[in-house]
Amino acid sequence: MKYLKWFDEVERIVVEDDLCKFLGVNDDGIIEISYVDIVKIAGHSCATVAGAYLMALHGLKALYGDEVPRRGEVKVEFKKLPRDDNTGVVGSVLSNITGATADFGFGGIPTGKYNRRDLLFFGVDIKSDLCLTRLDTYKKVFINYRPGKVVNPMSILMSAIKPDAKKEDIENFPKRFQEMVKRVFENQDKVIEIV
């Protein structure tokens, strides 16, 4: 797949997944997830997908510190419902990174180990956009994503789809749109809040 070179500059998320090791995918269960991997799964790159990736990256760092995050051992809770402000898209990204699912994921082996169900929740009464909880220590991290501090995706979109859009605005829309996404990554310290 051809993609923008700056995608490779985005910090990768490294997780350890015992199920991966158990099933013989690799010897150590270590999985490295790139922004390109998430773009492929989502089918696109936008401020929402970028924000979801960054919430996972920084949330897992805050939750695990110097330890490698344990995929399948994190509860993921959202304040909003899946259809509110594309929260479902964010949930899909977080599900792919953390392994957490609602009722549709892997139910585990007969001993109950490696269950991924009932770890992803929407419409939870929490103080932030997202809460991640370690299942081993019950440590919680609360995360907000505020892209409006650095970008206005709707303004860029409207410039290309409004009835009187200029030809040059329509033609250069994809470039301007991805430049906007890049700004999100360049300003992680402003758009991601650990509260």
Foldseek 3Di string as FASTA:
>chain_A
DDDDPCQVVFDWAWAAEVVCCVVPVDPGRIDIGGLVNQCVVLVHFAQLSLQLVLCLRVQQCVAPPPDHHYALFKAKEFQADCVPPNVVSSLVNNCVVRVADAAPHDQDDPVRPSGRYRRYYYNDPDDEGMWMAGNVPRDIWHKHFALVVFDDLVVLVCLQPPPPRDPVSVVCSVVVRVVSSVRCSVPVVPGMDTD
